[in-house]
Amino acid sequence: MNRSGKYITETPRLLLREFIPDDAENIWELNSDPEVMKYTGDPPFESVKMAREFLLNYQDYDNNGFGRWAVITKASHSFIGWCGLKLNEQNLVDIGFRFFRREWNKGYATEAASACLEYGFVELNLTEIIGRVARQNAASIKVLEKLSMDYWKKDNCKGIEDSLYYRLTKEQYLQKAIKRN
């Protein structure tokens, strides 16, 4: 794992960087909130030590050239969550995000995820990025729709049977970018 916490991209309010082992306490705290974890299908870390071990063994950057990234506010330099891309078990690149509950409804998920989509399509030259969400997770569905992702299908995801899949192709992304400018 790159221990430098290399910065990947930024937005007007946020910096996105690679995880570092010192993020362990924040990752543990984030995953300890049952409301944050409610629709993820992931178990929480049992301890800060387990979160640190996860970060020390996180190989996505080396294996795929991308991964989930720490989201840091420019104003306070605080860790507020993570967002990023992941090559999932279905061999699809998906966008994901998880933020402290105190940071919800501030637009951070949409802002960070938008920067991740741009990075994925422009810098990494990906052809498609998907989003997976539990049908009951209205807030995350709203984020995916704000990102101009289109509903694709219903399927299982990490044991959540009622998951919705959204997707956006590079061609769609570029067409929508032209319309915005």
N, C-alpha and C. Protein backbone atom coordinates (compact mmCIF):
# COMPACT_ATOMS: atom_id res chain seq x y z
N MET A 1 0.84 -1.19 0.00
CA MET A 1 0.00 0.00 0.00
C MET A 1 0.87 1.24 0.00
N ASN A 2 0.52 2.19 -0.81
CA ASN A 2 1.20 3.48 -0.82
C ASN A 2 0.86 4.21 0.47
N ARG A 3 1.85 4.50 1.30
CA ARG A 3 1.60 5.10 2.61
C ARG A 3 1.54 6.63 2.55
N SER A 4 1.73 7.20 1.37
CA SER A 4 1.80 8.65 1.26
C SER A 4 0.43 9.32 1.28
N GLY A 5 -0.62 8.57 1.02
CA GLY A 5 -1.93 9.19 0.94
C GLY A 5 -2.01 10.14 -0.24
N LYS A 6 -1.56 9.68 -1.38
CA LYS A 6 -1.51 10.49 -2.61
C LYS A 6 -2.89 11.07 -2.92
N TYR A 7 -2.90 12.36 -3.23
CA TYR A 7 -4.15 13.02 -3.61
C TYR A 7 -4.49 12.64 -5.05
N ILE A 8 -5.78 12.35 -5.26
CA ILE A 8 -6.26 11.86 -6.55
C ILE A 8 -6.96 12.97 -7.31
N THR A 9 -7.87 13.66 -6.64
CA THR A 9 -8.64 14.71 -7.30
C THR A 9 -9.19 15.64 -6.22
N GLU A 10 -9.80 16.73 -6.67
CA GLU A 10 -10.40 17.66 -5.73
C GLU A 10 -11.64 18.29 -6.33
N THR A 11 -12.43 18.86 -5.46
CA THR A 11 -13.63 19.59 -5.84
C THR A 11 -13.53 20.96 -5.18
N PRO A 12 -14.49 21.83 -5.35
CA PRO A 12 -14.40 23.12 -4.66
C PRO A 12 -14.26 23.00 -3.13
N ARG A 13 -14.89 21.97 -2.54
CA ARG A 13 -14.85 21.85 -1.08
C ARG A 13 -14.06 20.67 -0.55
N LEU A 14 -13.66 19.74 -1.43
CA LEU A 14 -13.14 18.46 -0.97
C LEU A 14 -11.84 18.06 -1.65
N LEU A 15 -11.05 17.29 -0.92
CA LEU A 15 -9.86 16.62 -1.45
C LEU A 15 -10.10 15.12 -1.33
N LEU A 16 -9.76 14.38 -2.37
CA LEU A 16 -9.87 12.92 -2.33
C LEU A 16 -8.47 12.35 -2.45
N ARG A 17 -8.11 11.50 -1.49
CA ARG A 17 -6.78 10.92 -1.47
C ARG A 17 -6.85 9.44 -1.14
N GLU A 18 -5.75 8.76 -1.43
CA GLU A 18 -5.65 7.35 -1.08
C GLU A 18 -5.71 7.19 0.44
N PHE A 19 -6.24 6.06 0.88
CA PHE A 19 -6.25 5.76 2.31
C PHE A 19 -4.83 5.62 2.84
N ILE A 20 -4.67 5.93 4.10
CA ILE A 20 -3.42 5.68 4.83
C ILE A 20 -3.78 4.93 6.11
N PRO A 21 -2.83 4.20 6.70
CA PRO A 21 -3.14 3.47 7.93
C PRO A 21 -3.70 4.35 9.05
N ASP A 22 -3.30 5.61 9.08
CA ASP A 22 -3.80 6.51 10.12
C ASP A 22 -5.28 6.86 9.95
N ASP A 23 -5.90 6.43 8.86
CA ASP A 23 -7.34 6.62 8.69
C ASP A 23 -8.13 5.58 9.49
N ALA A 24 -7.46 4.64 10.12
CA ALA A 24 -8.13 3.50 10.76
C ALA A 24 -9.19 3.92 11.77
N GLU A 25 -8.89 4.87 12.63
CA GLU A 25 -9.87 5.26 13.64
C GLU A 25 -11.11 5.86 12.99
N ASN A 26 -10.92 6.68 11.98
CA ASN A 26 -12.07 7.26 11.28
C ASN A 26 -12.89 6.19 10.56
N ILE A 27 -12.22 5.26 9.90
CA ILE A 27 -12.91 4.18 9.19
C ILE A 27 -13.69 3.33 10.18
N TRP A 28 -13.08 3.01 11.31
CA TRP A 28 -13.76 2.23 12.33
C TRP A 28 -14.99 2.97 12.85
N GLU A 29 -14.83 4.27 13.15
CA GLU A 29 -15.95 5.07 13.65
C GLU A 29 -17.08 5.14 12.61
N LEU A 30 -16.72 5.37 11.37
CA LEU A 30 -17.70 5.46 10.30
C LEU A 30 -18.51 4.16 10.20
N ASN A 31 -17.82 3.03 10.23
CA ASN A 31 -18.46 1.72 10.08
C ASN A 31 -19.13 1.25 11.37
N SER A 32 -18.96 1.98 12.46
CA SER A 32 -19.61 1.62 13.72
C SER A 32 -21.01 2.20 13.83
N ASP A 33 -21.38 3.09 12.94
CA ASP A 33 -22.70 3.71 12.98
C ASP A 33 -23.70 2.82 12.22
N PRO A 34 -24.66 2.24 12.93
CA PRO A 34 -25.62 1.35 12.27
C PRO A 34 -26.41 2.03 11.14
N GLU A 35 -26.67 3.32 11.26
CA GLU A 35 -27.40 4.04 10.21
C GLU A 35 -26.54 4.16 8.94
N VAL A 36 -25.25 4.38 9.11
CA VAL A 36 -24.33 4.46 7.97
C VAL A 36 -24.25 3.11 7.27
N MET A 37 -24.25 2.05 8.05
CA MET A 37 -24.05 0.70 7.51
C MET A 37 -25.33 0.01 7.07
N LYS A 38 -26.46 0.63 7.35
CA LYS A 38 -27.78 0.01 7.19
C LYS A 38 -27.99 -0.69 5.86
N TYR A 39 -27.58 -0.09 4.76
CA TYR A 39 -27.86 -0.63 3.44
C TYR A 39 -26.62 -1.14 2.70
N THR A 40 -25.52 -1.33 3.42
CA THR A 40 -24.28 -1.65 2.72
C THR A 40 -24.06 -3.14 2.48
N GLY A 41 -24.59 -3.99 3.33
CA GLY A 41 -24.30 -5.42 3.22
C GLY A 41 -22.93 -5.77 3.78
N ASP A 42 -22.22 -4.77 4.33
CA ASP A 42 -20.89 -5.00 4.91
C ASP A 42 -20.99 -5.09 6.43
N PRO A 43 -20.21 -5.98 7.04
CA PRO A 43 -20.16 -5.99 8.50
C PRO A 43 -19.24 -4.87 8.99
N PRO A 44 -19.50 -4.30 10.16
CA PRO A 44 -18.59 -3.27 10.69
C PRO A 44 -17.28 -3.91 11.15
N PHE A 45 -16.24 -3.11 11.23
CA PHE A 45 -14.98 -3.59 11.81
C PHE A 45 -15.18 -3.77 13.30
N GLU A 46 -14.59 -4.81 13.87
CA GLU A 46 -14.76 -5.07 15.29
C GLU A 46 -13.89 -4.17 16.15
N SER A 47 -12.85 -3.58 15.56
CA SER A 47 -11.94 -2.74 16.34
C SER A 47 -11.18 -1.80 15.40
N VAL A 48 -10.54 -0.81 15.98
CA VAL A 48 -9.67 0.09 15.21
C VAL A 48 -8.52 -0.73 14.61
N LYS A 49 -8.04 -1.70 15.39
CA LYS A 49 -6.95 -2.56 14.91
C LYS A 49 -7.35 -3.30 13.63
N MET A 50 -8.59 -3.81 13.58
CA MET A 50 -9.05 -4.51 12.38
C MET A 50 -9.18 -3.54 11.19
N ALA A 51 -9.62 -2.33 11.47
CA ALA A 51 -9.71 -1.32 10.41
C ALA A 51 -8.31 -1.00 9.88
N ARG A 52 -7.34 -0.89 10.77
CA ARG A 52 -5.95 -0.62 10.35
C ARG A 52 -5.42 -1.78 9.51
N GLU A 53 -5.69 -3.00 9.92
CA GLU A 53 -5.25 -4.18 9.15
C GLU A 53 -5.85 -4.16 7.74
N PHE A 54 -7.15 -3.81 7.67
CA PHE A 54 -7.80 -3.69 6.37
C PHE A 54 -7.05 -2.66 5.50
N LEU A 55 -6.76 -1.51 6.07
CA LEU A 55 -6.08 -0.45 5.31
C LEU A 55 -4.67 -0.87 4.91
N LEU A 56 -3.96 -1.54 5.80
CA LEU A 56 -2.60 -2.00 5.49
C LEU A 56 -2.60 -3.02 4.35
N ASN A 57 -3.69 -3.77 4.23
CA ASN A 57 -3.78 -4.81 3.21
C ASN A 57 -4.62 -4.41 2.00
N TYR A 58 -5.01 -3.14 1.94
CA TYR A 58 -5.86 -2.67 0.84
C TYR A 58 -5.03 -2.61 -0.44
N GLN A 59 -5.38 -3.43 -1.42
CA GLN A 59 -4.57 -3.60 -2.63
C GLN A 59 -5.18 -2.99 -3.89
N ASP A 60 -6.35 -2.38 -3.79
CA ASP A 60 -7.04 -1.91 -5.00
C ASP A 60 -6.22 -0.91 -5.81
N TYR A 61 -5.49 -0.02 -5.14
CA TYR A 61 -4.70 0.97 -5.88
C TYR A 61 -3.65 0.28 -6.75
N ASP A 62 -2.96 -0.69 -6.15
CA ASP A 62 -1.91 -1.41 -6.89
C ASP A 62 -2.51 -2.35 -7.93
N ASN A 63 -3.57 -3.04 -7.58
CA ASN A 63 -4.16 -4.04 -8.48
C ASN A 63 -4.93 -3.42 -9.64
N ASN A 64 -5.64 -2.32 -9.39
CA ASN A 64 -6.56 -1.78 -10.40
C ASN A 64 -6.24 -0.35 -10.85
N GLY A 65 -5.37 0.32 -10.12
CA GLY A 65 -5.07 1.72 -10.45
C GLY A 65 -6.09 2.69 -9.89
N PHE A 66 -7.02 2.20 -9.10
CA PHE A 66 -8.03 3.04 -8.46
C PHE A 66 -8.61 2.29 -7.27
N GLY A 67 -9.45 2.96 -6.52
CA GLY A 67 -10.08 2.34 -5.37
C GLY A 67 -10.99 3.33 -4.67
N ARG A 68 -11.31 3.02 -3.43
CA ARG A 68 -12.06 3.96 -2.60
C ARG A 68 -11.04 4.95 -2.04
N TRP A 69 -11.45 6.21 -1.93
CA TRP A 69 -10.54 7.26 -1.48
C TRP A 69 -11.11 8.01 -0.28
N ALA A 70 -10.23 8.40 0.63
CA ALA A 70 -10.62 9.23 1.77
C ALA A 70 -11.10 10.58 1.26
N VAL A 71 -12.17 11.08 1.85
CA VAL A 71 -12.69 12.41 1.50
C VAL A 71 -12.38 13.34 2.66
N ILE A 72 -11.65 14.40 2.33
CA ILE A 72 -11.16 15.37 3.31
C ILE A 72 -11.72 16.74 2.95
N THR A 73 -12.22 17.47 3.95
CA THR A 73 -12.71 18.82 3.65
C THR A 73 -11.53 19.78 3.52
N LYS A 74 -11.62 20.68 2.57
CA LYS A 74 -10.58 21.69 2.41
C LYS A 74 -10.59 22.68 3.57
N ALA A 75 -11.79 23.01 4.06
CA ALA A 75 -11.92 24.02 5.11
C ALA A 75 -11.27 23.60 6.42
N SER A 76 -11.51 22.37 6.86
CA SER A 76 -11.00 21.93 8.17
C SER A 76 -9.97 20.80 8.09
N HIS A 77 -9.73 20.30 6.90
CA HIS A 77 -8.84 19.15 6.68
C HIS A 77 -9.30 17.93 7.48
N SER A 78 -10.62 17.79 7.64
CA SER A 78 -11.20 16.68 8.39
C SER A 78 -11.58 15.54 7.45
N PHE A 79 -11.38 14.32 7.91
CA PHE A 79 -11.86 13.12 7.23
C PHE A 79 -13.36 13.06 7.47
N ILE A 80 -14.16 13.05 6.39
CA ILE A 80 -15.61 13.03 6.56
C ILE A 80 -16.25 11.76 5.98
N GLY A 81 -15.45 10.93 5.33
CA GLY A 81 -15.97 9.70 4.75
C GLY A 81 -15.07 9.22 3.63
N TRP A 82 -15.63 8.39 2.78
CA TRP A 82 -14.88 7.92 1.61
C TRP A 82 -15.80 7.86 0.40
N CYS A 83 -15.15 7.87 -0.75
CA CYS A 83 -15.86 7.78 -2.03
C CYS A 83 -14.85 7.25 -3.04
N GLY A 84 -15.34 6.55 -4.04
CA GLY A 84 -14.40 6.11 -5.06
C GLY A 84 -14.94 5.00 -5.91
N LEU A 85 -14.03 4.44 -6.67
CA LEU A 85 -14.34 3.40 -7.64
C LEU A 85 -13.80 2.07 -7.15
N LYS A 86 -14.47 1.00 -7.55
CA LYS A 86 -14.05 -0.33 -7.12
C LYS A 86 -14.36 -1.32 -8.23
N LEU A 87 -13.41 -2.19 -8.53
CA LEU A 87 -13.68 -3.31 -9.41
C LEU A 87 -14.34 -4.37 -8.54
N ASN A 88 -15.64 -4.59 -8.75
CA ASN A 88 -16.38 -5.46 -7.84
C ASN A 88 -16.31 -6.93 -8.24
N GLU A 89 -17.00 -7.74 -7.46
CA GLU A 89 -16.98 -9.20 -7.66
C GLU A 89 -17.62 -9.62 -8.98
N GLN A 90 -18.35 -8.73 -9.64
CA GLN A 90 -18.94 -9.03 -10.94
C GLN A 90 -18.07 -8.50 -12.09
N ASN A 91 -16.86 -8.04 -11.75
CA ASN A 91 -15.92 -7.48 -12.71
C ASN A 91 -16.45 -6.21 -13.37
N LEU A 92 -17.25 -5.46 -12.61
CA LEU A 92 -17.76 -4.16 -13.04
C LEU A 92 -17.16 -3.10 -12.13
N VAL A 93 -16.93 -1.92 -12.67
CA VAL A 93 -16.42 -0.81 -11.85
C VAL A 93 -17.63 -0.09 -11.26
N ASP A 94 -17.67 -0.04 -9.93
CA ASP A 94 -18.79 0.65 -9.31
C ASP A 94 -18.32 1.84 -8.49
N ILE A 95 -19.22 2.80 -8.41
CA ILE A 95 -18.98 4.00 -7.59
C ILE A 95 -19.61 3.74 -6.23
N GLY A 96 -18.91 4.10 -5.20
CA GLY A 96 -19.44 3.93 -3.85
C GLY A 96 -19.06 5.11 -2.99
N PHE A 97 -19.81 5.30 -1.92
CA PHE A 97 -19.54 6.41 -1.00
C PHE A 97 -20.14 6.08 0.36
N ARG A 98 -19.50 6.61 1.37
CA ARG A 98 -19.96 6.42 2.75
C ARG A 98 -19.45 7.62 3.54
N PHE A 99 -20.36 8.32 4.21
CA PHE A 99 -20.01 9.52 4.96
C PHE A 99 -20.56 9.45 6.38
N PHE A 100 -19.86 10.13 7.30
CA PHE A 100 -20.38 10.26 8.66
C PHE A 100 -21.78 10.86 8.60
N ARG A 101 -22.65 10.39 9.46
CA ARG A 101 -24.04 10.87 9.46
C ARG A 101 -24.11 12.39 9.66
N ARG A 102 -23.20 12.94 10.45
CA ARG A 102 -23.20 14.39 10.68
C ARG A 102 -22.90 15.18 9.41
N GLU A 103 -22.41 14.49 8.37
CA GLU A 103 -22.09 15.15 7.10
C GLU A 103 -23.16 14.93 6.03
N TRP A 104 -24.21 14.21 6.36
CA TRP A 104 -25.28 13.95 5.40
C TRP A 104 -26.02 15.24 5.06
N ASN A 105 -26.60 15.27 3.89
CA ASN A 105 -27.43 16.39 3.42
C ASN A 105 -26.66 17.69 3.24
N LYS A 106 -25.37 17.57 2.96
CA LYS A 106 -24.55 18.75 2.67
C LYS A 106 -24.04 18.73 1.23
N GLY A 107 -24.44 17.71 0.46
CA GLY A 107 -24.03 17.61 -0.93
C GLY A 107 -22.67 16.98 -1.14
N TYR A 108 -22.03 16.49 -0.08
CA TYR A 108 -20.69 15.92 -0.21
C TYR A 108 -20.66 14.66 -1.06
N ALA A 109 -21.65 13.78 -0.91
CA ALA A 109 -21.65 12.53 -1.67
C ALA A 109 -21.74 12.82 -3.17
N THR A 110 -22.63 13.71 -3.56
CA THR A 110 -22.77 14.05 -4.97
C THR A 110 -21.51 14.73 -5.50
N GLU A 111 -20.96 15.64 -4.72
CA GLU A 111 -19.76 16.37 -5.14
C GLU A 111 -18.56 15.43 -5.30
N ALA A 112 -18.35 14.57 -4.32
CA ALA A 112 -17.21 13.63 -4.38
C ALA A 112 -17.41 12.60 -5.48
N ALA A 113 -18.63 12.05 -5.58
CA ALA A 113 -18.89 11.02 -6.59
C ALA A 113 -18.79 11.59 -8.00
N SER A 114 -19.21 12.82 -8.19
CA SER A 114 -19.08 13.46 -9.50
C SER A 114 -17.61 13.57 -9.90
N ALA A 115 -16.76 13.93 -8.95
CA ALA A 115 -15.31 14.01 -9.22
C ALA A 115 -14.75 12.63 -9.53
N CYS A 116 -15.26 11.60 -8.87
CA CYS A 116 -14.80 10.22 -9.13
C CYS A 116 -15.21 9.76 -10.51
N LEU A 117 -16.42 10.10 -10.93
CA LEU A 117 -16.85 9.74 -12.29
C LEU A 117 -15.96 10.42 -13.32
N GLU A 118 -15.70 11.70 -13.12
CA GLU A 118 -14.83 12.41 -14.06
C GLU A 118 -13.45 11.76 -14.11
N TYR A 119 -12.90 11.44 -12.96
CA TYR A 119 -11.59 10.80 -12.89
C TYR A 119 -11.63 9.45 -13.62
N GLY A 120 -12.67 8.68 -13.38
CA GLY A 120 -12.79 7.37 -14.00
C GLY A 120 -12.89 7.44 -15.52
N PHE A 121 -13.71 8.35 -16.01
CA PHE A 121 -13.91 8.44 -17.46
C PHE A 121 -12.78 9.18 -18.17
N VAL A 122 -12.28 10.24 -17.57
CA VAL A 122 -11.27 11.08 -18.24
C VAL A 122 -9.85 10.57 -17.99
N GLU A 123 -9.51 10.34 -16.74
CA GLU A 123 -8.13 9.94 -16.40
C GLU A 123 -7.88 8.45 -16.63
N LEU A 124 -8.84 7.62 -16.25
CA LEU A 124 -8.66 6.17 -16.34
C LEU A 124 -9.20 5.59 -17.64
N ASN A 125 -9.94 6.39 -18.39
CA ASN A 125 -10.52 5.97 -19.66
C ASN A 125 -11.44 4.75 -19.52
N LEU A 126 -12.18 4.70 -18.42
CA LEU A 126 -13.15 3.63 -18.24
C LEU A 126 -14.30 3.83 -19.21
N THR A 127 -14.94 2.75 -19.63
CA THR A 127 -16.04 2.86 -20.58
C THR A 127 -17.40 2.85 -19.91
N GLU A 128 -17.47 2.36 -18.65
CA GLU A 128 -18.75 2.28 -17.94
C GLU A 128 -18.48 2.25 -16.44
N ILE A 129 -19.33 2.93 -15.69
CA ILE A 129 -19.29 2.89 -14.23
C ILE A 129 -20.73 2.63 -13.76
N ILE A 130 -20.85 1.73 -12.81
CA ILE A 130 -22.18 1.41 -12.29
C ILE A 130 -22.30 1.89 -10.84
N GLY A 131 -23.53 1.92 -10.36
CA GLY A 131 -23.82 2.17 -8.95
C GLY A 131 -24.82 1.13 -8.50
N ARG A 132 -24.62 0.60 -7.30
CA ARG A 132 -25.54 -0.40 -6.75
C ARG A 132 -26.09 0.14 -5.43
N VAL A 133 -27.39 -0.04 -5.25
CA VAL A 133 -28.02 0.56 -4.07
C VAL A 133 -29.22 -0.27 -3.65
N ALA A 134 -29.43 -0.39 -2.34
CA ALA A 134 -30.63 -1.04 -1.84
C ALA A 134 -31.84 -0.20 -2.21
N ARG A 135 -32.90 -0.84 -2.62
CA ARG A 135 -34.12 -0.13 -3.04
C ARG A 135 -34.62 0.85 -1.96
N GLN A 136 -34.42 0.51 -0.69
CA GLN A 136 -34.91 1.35 0.41
C GLN A 136 -34.01 2.56 0.68
N ASN A 137 -32.85 2.62 0.08
CA ASN A 137 -31.88 3.69 0.35
C ASN A 137 -32.15 4.89 -0.56
N ALA A 138 -33.19 5.63 -0.22
CA ALA A 138 -33.63 6.75 -1.06
C ALA A 138 -32.55 7.82 -1.24
N ALA A 139 -31.77 8.08 -0.20
CA ALA A 139 -30.75 9.12 -0.29
C ALA A 139 -29.68 8.76 -1.32
N SER A 140 -29.22 7.52 -1.31
CA SER A 140 -28.19 7.11 -2.27
C SER A 140 -28.74 7.02 -3.69
N ILE A 141 -30.00 6.62 -3.82
CA ILE A 141 -30.63 6.61 -5.14
C ILE A 141 -30.66 8.03 -5.70
N LYS A 142 -30.98 8.99 -4.84
CA LYS A 142 -31.03 10.40 -5.26
C LYS A 142 -29.65 10.86 -5.74
N VAL A 143 -28.59 10.44 -5.05
CA VAL A 143 -27.22 10.80 -5.47
C VAL A 143 -26.93 10.23 -6.85
N LEU A 144 -27.23 8.94 -7.05
CA LEU A 144 -26.95 8.32 -8.35
C LEU A 144 -27.72 9.02 -9.47
N GLU A 145 -28.94 9.40 -9.19
CA GLU A 145 -29.74 10.09 -10.21
C GLU A 145 -29.20 11.50 -10.48
N LYS A 146 -28.71 12.19 -9.44
CA LYS A 146 -28.08 13.51 -9.65
C LYS A 146 -26.83 13.39 -10.50
N LEU A 147 -26.18 12.23 -10.45
CA LEU A 147 -24.97 11.98 -11.24
C LEU A 147 -25.31 11.61 -12.69
N SER A 148 -26.58 11.65 -13.04
CA SER A 148 -27.08 11.30 -14.38
C SER A 148 -26.93 9.82 -14.70
N MET A 149 -26.85 8.99 -13.67
CA MET A 149 -26.79 7.55 -13.90
C MET A 149 -28.22 7.07 -14.17
N ASP A 150 -28.34 6.12 -15.07
CA ASP A 150 -29.65 5.59 -15.45
C ASP A 150 -29.90 4.25 -14.78
N TYR A 151 -31.16 4.04 -14.36
CA TYR A 151 -31.55 2.73 -13.83
C TYR A 151 -31.27 1.67 -14.89
N TRP A 152 -30.69 0.55 -14.45
CA TRP A 152 -30.31 -0.50 -15.37
C TRP A 152 -31.09 -1.78 -15.08
N LYS A 153 -31.03 -2.26 -13.83
CA LYS A 153 -31.68 -3.53 -13.51
C LYS A 153 -31.80 -3.71 -12.01
N LYS A 154 -32.55 -4.72 -11.62
CA LYS A 154 -32.66 -5.13 -10.23
C LYS A 154 -31.90 -6.44 -10.09
N ASP A 155 -31.14 -6.58 -8.99
CA ASP A 155 -30.34 -7.79 -8.80
C ASP A 155 -29.95 -7.90 -7.33
N ASN A 156 -29.32 -9.00 -6.96
CA ASN A 156 -28.74 -9.16 -5.63
C ASN A 156 -27.43 -8.40 -5.55
N CYS A 157 -27.14 -7.90 -4.38
CA CYS A 157 -25.85 -7.25 -4.13
C CYS A 157 -25.48 -7.47 -2.68
N LYS A 158 -24.46 -8.24 -2.45
CA LYS A 158 -23.96 -8.51 -1.10
C LYS A 158 -25.07 -8.97 -0.17
N GLY A 159 -25.92 -9.85 -0.66
CA GLY A 159 -26.99 -10.39 0.16
C GLY A 159 -28.23 -9.51 0.24
N ILE A 160 -28.19 -8.36 -0.37
CA ILE A 160 -29.36 -7.48 -0.40
C ILE A 160 -30.10 -7.80 -1.70
N GLU A 161 -31.20 -8.55 -1.56
CA GLU A 161 -31.91 -9.05 -2.74
C GLU A 161 -32.56 -7.97 -3.57
N ASP A 162 -32.99 -6.91 -2.94
CA ASP A 162 -33.75 -5.87 -3.61
C ASP A 162 -32.84 -4.71 -4.02
N SER A 163 -31.70 -4.99 -4.60
CA SER A 163 -30.76 -3.94 -4.99
C SER A 163 -31.07 -3.44 -6.40
N LEU A 164 -30.87 -2.16 -6.57
CA LEU A 164 -31.04 -1.53 -7.88
C LEU A 164 -29.67 -1.21 -8.44
N TYR A 165 -29.52 -1.44 -9.72
CA TYR A 165 -28.27 -1.14 -10.40
C TYR A 165 -28.50 0.04 -11.34
N TYR A 166 -27.59 0.99 -11.28
CA TYR A 166 -27.59 2.14 -12.17
C TYR A 166 -26.30 2.09 -12.96
N ARG A 167 -26.27 2.75 -14.11
CA ARG A 167 -25.01 2.79 -14.86
C ARG A 167 -24.93 4.06 -15.69
N LEU A 168 -23.69 4.37 -16.04
CA LEU A 168 -23.39 5.51 -16.89
C LEU A 168 -22.20 5.11 -17.77
N THR A 169 -22.34 5.31 -19.07
CA THR A 169 -21.23 5.01 -19.97
C THR A 169 -20.41 6.28 -20.18
N LYS A 170 -19.20 6.09 -20.65
CA LYS A 170 -18.34 7.24 -20.94
C LYS A 170 -19.00 8.12 -22.00
N GLU A 171 -19.59 7.51 -23.01
CA GLU A 171 -20.25 8.28 -24.07
C GLU A 171 -21.38 9.14 -23.49
N GLN A 172 -22.21 8.56 -22.62
CA GLN A 172 -23.29 9.33 -21.98
C GLN A 172 -22.71 10.46 -21.13
N TYR A 173 -21.66 10.14 -20.38
CA TYR A 173 -21.02 11.13 -19.52
C TYR A 173 -20.53 12.32 -20.35
N LEU A 174 -19.84 12.02 -21.46
CA LEU A 174 -19.30 13.10 -22.30
C LEU A 174 -20.42 13.91 -22.96
N GLN A 175 -21.47 13.25 -23.39
CA GLN A 175 -22.61 13.97 -23.98
C GLN A 175 -23.26 14.89 -22.97
N LYS A 176 -23.41 14.43 -21.74
CA LYS A 176 -24.02 15.25 -20.70
C LYS A 176 -23.09 16.40 -20.29
N ALA A 177 -21.78 16.16 -20.35
CA ALA A 177 -20.81 17.22 -20.05
C ALA A 177 -20.88 18.33 -21.10
N ILE A 178 -21.06 17.95 -22.35
CA ILE A 178 -21.17 18.95 -23.43
C ILE A 178 -22.41 19.79 -23.21
N LYS A 179 -23.52 19.17 -22.84
CA LYS A 179 -24.77 19.89 -22.60
C LYS A 179 -24.64 20.87 -21.44
N ARG A 180 -23.84 20.49 -20.40
CA ARG A 180 -23.65 21.37 -19.24
C ARG A 180 -22.85 22.61 -19.59
N ASN A 181 -21.94 22.49 -20.57
CA ASN A 181 -21.04 23.61 -20.91
C ASN A 181 -21.60 24.47 -21.99
